[in-house]
Protein backbone atom coordinates (compact mmCIF):
# COMPACT_ATOMS: atom_id res chain seq x y z
CA MET A 1 12.84 -3.51 -47.27
CA THR A 2 12.22 -5.99 -50.07
CA THR A 3 9.06 -5.59 -52.10
CA LEU A 4 7.45 -8.43 -53.99
CA ASP A 5 6.38 -8.25 -57.59
CA PRO A 6 2.57 -8.41 -57.35
CA SER A 7 2.42 -10.48 -60.54
CA LEU A 8 4.62 -13.19 -59.00
CA ASP A 9 2.81 -16.43 -58.20
CA LEU A 10 4.33 -17.34 -54.84
CA PHE A 11 3.28 -20.98 -55.02
CA GLU A 12 4.98 -21.39 -58.41
CA GLU A 13 8.10 -19.59 -57.19
CA ILE A 14 8.34 -21.79 -54.11
CA GLU A 15 7.97 -24.93 -56.24
CA ARG A 16 10.68 -23.63 -58.61
CA LEU A 17 13.04 -22.98 -55.70
CA LYS A 18 12.35 -26.40 -54.19
CA ILE A 19 13.47 -28.03 -57.45
CA GLU A 20 16.45 -25.72 -57.89
CA ARG A 21 17.73 -26.30 -54.35
CA LYS A 22 16.74 -29.97 -54.07
CA ALA A 23 14.56 -29.12 -51.09
CA ILE A 24 11.79 -30.99 -49.33
CA THR A 25 9.13 -29.12 -47.36
CA LEU A 26 7.69 -30.69 -44.22
CA GLY A 27 4.58 -29.16 -42.67
CA HIS A 28 3.03 -29.79 -39.28
CA TYR A 29 -0.73 -30.21 -39.02
CA TYR A 30 -1.08 -26.97 -37.06
CA GLN A 31 0.42 -24.79 -39.80
CA ASP A 32 -1.73 -22.48 -41.92
CA PRO A 33 -3.56 -24.16 -44.83
CA ASP A 34 -1.33 -22.43 -47.42
CA ILE A 35 1.77 -23.92 -45.77
CA GLN A 36 0.10 -27.34 -45.64
CA ASP A 37 -0.67 -27.07 -49.36
CA LEU A 38 3.02 -26.45 -50.12
CA ALA A 39 4.31 -29.29 -47.96
CA ASP A 40 5.73 -32.40 -49.56
CA SER A 41 4.90 -34.23 -46.36
CA LEU A 42 2.29 -33.29 -43.77
CA GLY A 43 1.92 -34.80 -40.34
CA ASP A 44 2.63 -34.65 -36.64
CA SER A 45 6.10 -34.40 -35.14
CA LEU A 46 6.83 -38.12 -35.44
CA ASP A 47 5.62 -38.31 -39.06
CA LEU A 48 7.82 -35.35 -40.01
CA ALA A 49 10.87 -36.74 -38.21
CA ARG A 50 10.48 -39.93 -40.24
CA ALA A 51 10.05 -37.95 -43.48
CA ALA A 52 13.20 -35.93 -42.70
CA LYS A 53 15.18 -39.13 -42.08
CA ALA A 54 14.00 -40.52 -45.42
CA ALA A 55 14.95 -37.33 -47.32
CA ASP A 56 18.36 -38.67 -48.37
CA ASP A 57 18.15 -37.17 -51.86
CA SER A 58 17.34 -33.65 -50.58
CA ASP A 59 20.00 -31.00 -49.95
CA VAL A 60 17.60 -28.81 -47.95
CA ILE A 61 14.88 -29.71 -45.46
CA LEU A 62 12.43 -26.89 -44.81
CA PHE A 63 10.57 -27.59 -41.58
CA CYS A 64 7.34 -25.69 -41.11
CA GLY A 65 6.84 -26.46 -37.46
CA VAL A 66 8.64 -25.59 -34.25
CA HIS A 67 12.34 -25.04 -33.58
CA PHE A 68 13.03 -28.36 -31.84
CA MET A 69 11.77 -30.26 -34.89
CA ALA A 70 14.34 -28.61 -37.14
CA GLU A 71 17.09 -29.24 -34.60
CA THR A 72 16.13 -32.92 -34.47
CA ALA A 73 16.27 -33.21 -38.27
CA LYS A 74 19.64 -31.49 -38.37
């Protein structure tokens, strides 16, 4: 089991990893508020599909939604 350093700011770490991995984060409206705060783009399924299509300069697309949305982006 992995334990987290309690002094680690998860929001800062996620932002650092997004830059390092050239990632974009897409969050659906029904996700938790913390996930919505981290999202580069927030919307419904159609909005996020459009954002994924436009993410040409990203190496990684992190979909915070449902499985079929990630499969569509792939």
